[in-house]
PDB file of N, CA and C in Angstrom:
ATOM      1  N   MET A   1       2.975  -4.264  21.560  1.00  0.00           N
ATOM      2  CA  MET A   1       3.000  -4.924  20.282  1.00  0.00           C
ATOM      3  C   MET A   1       1.785  -4.475  19.472  1.00  0.00           C
ATOM      4  N   ILE A   2       1.997  -4.153  18.227  1.00  0.00           N
ATOM      5  CA  ILE A   2       0.932  -3.693  17.339  1.00  0.00           C
ATOM      6  C   ILE A   2       0.354  -4.900  16.607  1.00  0.00           C
ATOM      7  N   PRO A   3      -0.967  -5.105  16.670  1.00  0.00           N
ATOM      8  CA  PRO A   3      -1.547  -6.240  15.934  1.00  0.00           C
ATOM      9  C   PRO A   3      -1.466  -6.023  14.429  1.00  0.00           C
ATOM     10  N   VAL A   4      -1.299  -7.109  13.707  1.00  0.00           N
ATOM     11  CA  VAL A   4      -1.200  -7.063  12.249  1.00  0.00           C
ATOM     12  C   VAL A   4      -2.423  -7.757  11.662  1.00  0.00           C
ATOM     13  N   ALA A   5      -3.070  -7.113  10.712  1.00  0.00           N
ATOM     14  CA  ALA A   5      -4.234  -7.695  10.050  1.00  0.00           C
ATOM     15  C   ALA A   5      -3.872  -8.029   8.611  1.00  0.00           C
ATOM     16  N   PRO A   6      -4.167  -9.252   8.158  1.00  0.00           N
ATOM     17  CA  PRO A   6      -3.860  -9.606   6.767  1.00  0.00           C
ATOM     18  C   PRO A   6      -4.711  -8.808   5.794  1.00  0.00           C
ATOM     19  N   GLU A   7      -4.103  -8.405   4.686  1.00  0.00           N
ATOM     20  CA  GLU A   7      -4.807  -7.636   3.662  1.00  0.00           C
ATOM     21  C   GLU A   7      -4.801  -8.338   2.317  1.00  0.00           C
ATOM     22  N   LEU A   8      -3.840  -9.239   2.095  1.00  0.00           N
ATOM     23  CA  LEU A   8      -3.695  -9.925   0.815  1.00  0.00           C
ATOM     24  C   LEU A   8      -3.639 -11.430   1.041  1.00  0.00           C
ATOM     25  N   VAL A   9      -3.977 -12.179  -0.001  1.00  0.00           N
ATOM     26  CA  VAL A   9      -3.831 -13.628   0.006  1.00  0.00           C
ATOM     27  C   VAL A   9      -2.849 -13.986  -1.099  1.00  0.00           C
ATOM     28  N   ALA A  10      -1.859 -14.790  -0.770  1.00  0.00           N
ATOM     29  CA  ALA A  10      -0.859 -15.209  -1.746  1.00  0.00           C
ATOM     30  C   ALA A  10      -0.870 -16.725  -1.861  1.00  0.00           C
ATOM     31  N   GLU A  11      -0.647 -17.211  -3.070  1.00  0.00           N
ATOM     32  CA  GLU A  11      -0.485 -18.645  -3.302  1.00  0.00           C
ATOM     33  C   GLU A  11       1.011 -18.905  -3.368  1.00  0.00           C
ATOM     34  N   ILE A  12       1.486 -19.874  -2.589  1.00  0.00           N
ATOM     35  CA  ILE A  12       2.908 -20.166  -2.528  1.00  0.00           C
ATOM     36  C   ILE A  12       3.149 -21.640  -2.821  1.00  0.00           C
ATOM     37  N   ALA A  13       4.373 -21.973  -3.171  1.00  0.00           N
ATOM     38  CA  ALA A  13       4.788 -23.361  -3.370  1.00  0.00           C
ATOM     39  C   ALA A  13       5.889 -23.649  -2.366  1.00  0.00           C
ATOM     40  N   VAL A  14       5.719 -24.734  -1.627  1.00  0.00           N
ATOM     41  CA  VAL A  14       6.711 -25.107  -0.624  1.00  0.00           C
ATOM     42  C   VAL A  14       7.073 -26.573  -0.765  1.00  0.00           C
ATOM     43  N   ASP A  15       8.251 -26.903  -0.316  1.00  0.00           N
ATOM     44  CA  ASP A  15       8.717 -28.281  -0.274  1.00  0.00           C
ATOM     45  C   ASP A  15       8.634 -28.728   1.175  1.00  0.00           C
ATOM     46  N   SER A  16       8.287 -29.943   1.407  1.00  0.00           N
ATOM     47  CA  SER A  16       8.144 -30.417   2.781  1.00  0.00           C
ATOM     48  C   SER A  16       9.473 -30.826   3.409  1.00  0.00           C
ATOM     49  N   ALA A  17      10.591 -30.621   2.710  1.00  0.00           N
ATOM     50  CA  ALA A  17      11.899 -31.004   3.224  1.00  0.00           C
ATOM     51  C   ALA A  17      12.350 -30.012   4.296  1.00  0.00           C
ATOM     52  N   PHE A  18      12.394 -30.467   5.537  1.00  0.00           N
ATOM     53  CA  PHE A  18      12.781 -29.653   6.679  1.00  0.00           C
ATOM     54  C   PHE A  18      13.905 -30.392   7.379  1.00  0.00           C
ATOM     55  N   GLU A  19      15.073 -29.753   7.505  1.00  0.00           N
ATOM     56  CA  GLU A  19      16.238 -30.434   8.043  1.00  0.00           C
ATOM     57  C   GLU A  19      17.045 -29.490   8.931  1.00  0.00           C
ATOM     58  N   HIS A  20      17.418 -29.958  10.110  1.00  0.00           N
ATOM     59  CA  HIS A  20      18.221 -29.186  11.054  1.00  0.00           C
ATOM     60  C   HIS A  20      17.577 -27.842  11.389  1.00  0.00           C
ATOM     61  N   GLY A  21      16.246 -27.836  11.504  1.00  0.00           N
ATOM     62  CA  GLY A  21      15.542 -26.619  11.876  1.00  0.00           C
ATOM     63  C   GLY A  21      15.370 -25.608  10.758  1.00  0.00           C
ATOM     64  N   LYS A  22      15.679 -25.998   9.521  1.00  0.00           N
ATOM     65  CA  LYS A  22      15.557 -25.082   8.385  1.00  0.00           C
ATOM     66  C   LYS A  22      14.866 -25.788   7.221  1.00  0.00           C
ATOM     67  N   TRP A  23      14.195 -24.991   6.381  1.00  0.00           N
ATOM     68  CA  TRP A  23      13.648 -25.522   5.140  1.00  0.00           C
ATOM     69  C   TRP A  23      14.814 -25.745   4.191  1.00  0.00           C
ATOM     70  N   ARG A  24      14.832 -26.873   3.498  1.00  0.00           N
ATOM     71  CA  ARG A  24      15.927 -27.167   2.565  1.00  0.00           C
ATOM     72  C   ARG A  24      15.813 -26.395   1.270  1.00  0.00           C
ATOM     73  N   HIS A  25      14.596 -25.970   0.920  1.00  0.00           N
ATOM     74  CA  HIS A  25      14.381 -25.240  -0.320  1.00  0.00           C
ATOM     75  C   HIS A  25      13.575 -23.985  -0.012  1.00  0.00           C
ATOM     76  N   PRO A  26      13.780 -22.927  -0.790  1.00  0.00           N
ATOM     77  CA  PRO A  26      13.042 -21.682  -0.512  1.00  0.00           C
ATOM     78  C   PRO A  26      11.558 -21.807  -0.834  1.00  0.00           C
ATOM     79  N   ILE A  27      10.769 -20.992  -0.174  1.00  0.00           N
ATOM     80  CA  ILE A  27       9.345 -20.885  -0.467  1.00  0.00           C
ATOM     81  C   ILE A  27       9.207 -19.958  -1.666  1.00  0.00           C
ATOM     82  N   ARG A  28       8.356 -20.340  -2.623  1.00  0.00           N
ATOM     83  CA  ARG A  28       8.216 -19.555  -3.849  1.00  0.00           C
ATOM     84  C   ARG A  28       6.822 -18.938  -3.924  1.00  0.00           C
ATOM     85  N   LEU A  29       6.790 -17.649  -4.195  1.00  0.00           N
ATOM     86  CA  LEU A  29       5.528 -16.951  -4.424  1.00  0.00           C
ATOM     87  C   LEU A  29       5.046 -17.287  -5.817  1.00  0.00           C
ATOM     88  N   LEU A  30       3.824 -17.826  -5.924  1.00  0.00           N
ATOM     89  CA  LEU A  30       3.269 -18.147  -7.236  1.00  0.00           C
ATOM     90  C   LEU A  30       2.442 -16.991  -7.783  1.00  0.00           C
ATOM     91  N   ARG A  31       1.527 -16.472  -6.948  1.00  0.00           N
ATOM     92  CA  ARG A  31       0.690 -15.356  -7.396  1.00  0.00           C
ATOM     93  C   ARG A  31      -0.108 -14.814  -6.229  1.00  0.00           C
ATOM     94  N   LEU A  32      -0.547 -13.571  -6.370  1.00  0.00           N
ATOM     95  CA  LEU A  32      -1.492 -13.003  -5.423  1.00  0.00           C
ATOM     96  C   LEU A  32      -2.885 -13.446  -5.836  1.00  0.00           C
ATOM     97  N   ARG A  33      -3.732 -13.745  -4.857  1.00  0.00           N
ATOM     98  CA  ARG A  33      -5.078 -14.240  -5.137  1.00  0.00           C
ATOM     99  C   ARG A  33      -6.089 -13.128  -4.904  1.00  0.00           C
ATOM    100  N   ASP A  34      -6.355 -12.351  -5.941  1.00  0.00           N
ATOM    101  CA  ASP A  34      -7.333 -11.268  -5.858  1.00  0.00           C
ATOM    102  C   ASP A  34      -8.756 -11.792  -5.693  1.00  0.00           C
ATOM    103  N   ASP A  35      -8.959 -13.085  -6.030  1.00  0.00           N
ATOM    104  CA  ASP A  35     -10.284 -13.665  -5.944  1.00  0.00           C
ATOM    105  C   ASP A  35     -10.641 -14.142  -4.534  1.00  0.00           C
ATOM    106  N   LEU A  36      -9.686 -14.085  -3.594  1.00  0.00           N
ATOM    107  CA  LEU A  36      -9.926 -14.528  -2.223  1.00  0.00           C
ATOM    108  C   LEU A  36      -9.771 -13.373  -1.245  1.00  0.00           C
ATOM    109  N   ASP A  37     -10.590 -13.399  -0.224  1.00  0.00           N
ATOM    110  CA  ASP A  37     -10.498 -12.430   0.861  1.00  0.00           C
ATOM    111  C   ASP A  37      -9.748 -13.107   2.009  1.00  0.00           C
ATOM    112  N   PRO A  38      -8.878 -12.402   2.738  1.00  0.00           N
ATOM    113  CA  PRO A  38      -8.156 -13.030   3.843  1.00  0.00           C
ATOM    114  C   PRO A  38      -9.073 -13.726   4.862  1.00  0.00           C
ATOM    115  N   ALA A  39     -10.286 -13.224   5.050  1.00  0.00           N
ATOM    116  CA  ALA A  39     -11.217 -13.848   5.994  1.00  0.00           C
ATOM    117  C   ALA A  39     -11.689 -15.216   5.510  1.00  0.00           C
ATOM    118  N   ASP A  40     -11.546 -15.508   4.206  1.00  0.00           N
ATOM    119  CA  ASP A  40     -11.983 -16.785   3.644  1.00  0.00           C
ATOM    120  C   ASP A  40     -10.939 -17.892   3.798  1.00  0.00           C
ATOM    121  N   VAL A  41      -9.748 -17.540   4.229  1.00  0.00           N
ATOM    122  CA  VAL A  41      -8.641 -18.487   4.289  1.00  0.00           C
ATOM    123  C   VAL A  41      -8.367 -18.870   5.734  1.00  0.00           C
ATOM    124  N   ALA A  42      -8.220 -20.177   5.986  1.00  0.00           N
ATOM    125  CA  ALA A  42      -7.904 -20.648   7.338  1.00  0.00           C
ATOM    126  C   ALA A  42      -6.499 -20.206   7.728  1.00  0.00           C
ATOM    127  N   LEU A  43      -6.298 -19.955   9.006  1.00  0.00           N
ATOM    128  CA  LEU A  43      -4.969 -19.616   9.486  1.00  0.00           C
ATOM    129  C   LEU A  43      -4.041 -20.805   9.328  1.00  0.00           C
ATOM    130  N   PHE A  44      -2.749 -20.548   9.245  1.00  0.00           N
ATOM    131  CA  PHE A  44      -1.765 -21.605   9.077  1.00  0.00           C
ATOM    132  C   PHE A  44      -1.911 -22.627  10.202  1.00  0.00           C
ATOM    133  N   GLY A  45      -2.017 -23.888   9.828  1.00  0.00           N
ATOM    134  CA  GLY A  45      -2.172 -24.942  10.817  1.00  0.00           C
ATOM    135  C   GLY A  45      -3.610 -25.231  11.198  1.00  0.00           C
ATOM    136  N   GLU A  46      -4.547 -24.475  10.686  1.00  0.00           N
ATOM    137  CA  GLU A  46      -5.947 -24.690  10.991  1.00  0.00           C
ATOM    138  C   GLU A  46      -6.695 -25.038   9.713  1.00  0.00           C
ATOM    139  N   GLY A  47      -7.848 -25.617   9.860  1.00  0.00           N
ATOM    140  CA  GLY A  47      -8.666 -25.923   8.684  1.00  0.00           C
ATOM    141  C   GLY A  47      -8.217 -27.178   7.969  1.00  0.00           C
ATOM    142  N   VAL A  48      -8.769 -27.387   6.799  1.00  0.00           N
ATOM    143  CA  VAL A  48      -8.453 -28.581   6.022  1.00  0.00           C
ATOM    144  C   VAL A  48      -7.295 -28.331   5.090  1.00  0.00           C
ATOM    145  N   ARG A  49      -6.650 -29.389   4.703  1.00  0.00           N
ATOM    146  CA  ARG A  49      -5.526 -29.299   3.776  1.00  0.00           C
ATOM    147  C   ARG A  49      -6.058 -29.218   2.352  1.00  0.00           C
ATOM    148  N   PRO A  50      -5.571 -28.282   1.532  1.00  0.00           N
ATOM    149  CA  PRO A  50      -6.069 -28.172   0.161  1.00  0.00           C
ATOM    150  C   PRO A  50      -5.707 -29.391  -0.677  1.00  0.00           C
ATOM    151  N   ALA A  51      -6.525 -29.674  -1.669  1.00  0.00           N
ATOM    152  CA  ALA A  51      -6.268 -30.795  -2.569  1.00  0.00           C
ATOM    153  C   ALA A  51      -5.075 -30.498  -3.459  1.00  0.00           C
ATOM    154  N   ALA A  52      -4.318 -31.503  -3.797  1.00  0.00           N
ATOM    155  CA  ALA A  52      -3.170 -31.331  -4.707  1.00  0.00           C
ATOM    156  C   ALA A  52      -3.676 -31.137  -6.122  1.00  0.00           C
ATOM    157  N   ASN A  53      -3.000 -30.281  -6.861  1.00  0.00           N
ATOM    158  CA  ASN A  53      -3.371 -30.032  -8.259  1.00  0.00           C
ATOM    159  C   ASN A  53      -2.747 -31.040  -9.183  1.00  0.00           C
TER     160      ASN A  53
END
């Protein structure tokens, strides 16, 4: 297996509706975050939850 290293940071919008093992609504790409480095972002499931806008 080849390891994968993140190169970009993306901001996404998701709905918390999860039913029968599937997301009820698609995940939407909002924008790429050129102002953030991948090393600055916590891995999924780790770190603190971001504040709601």
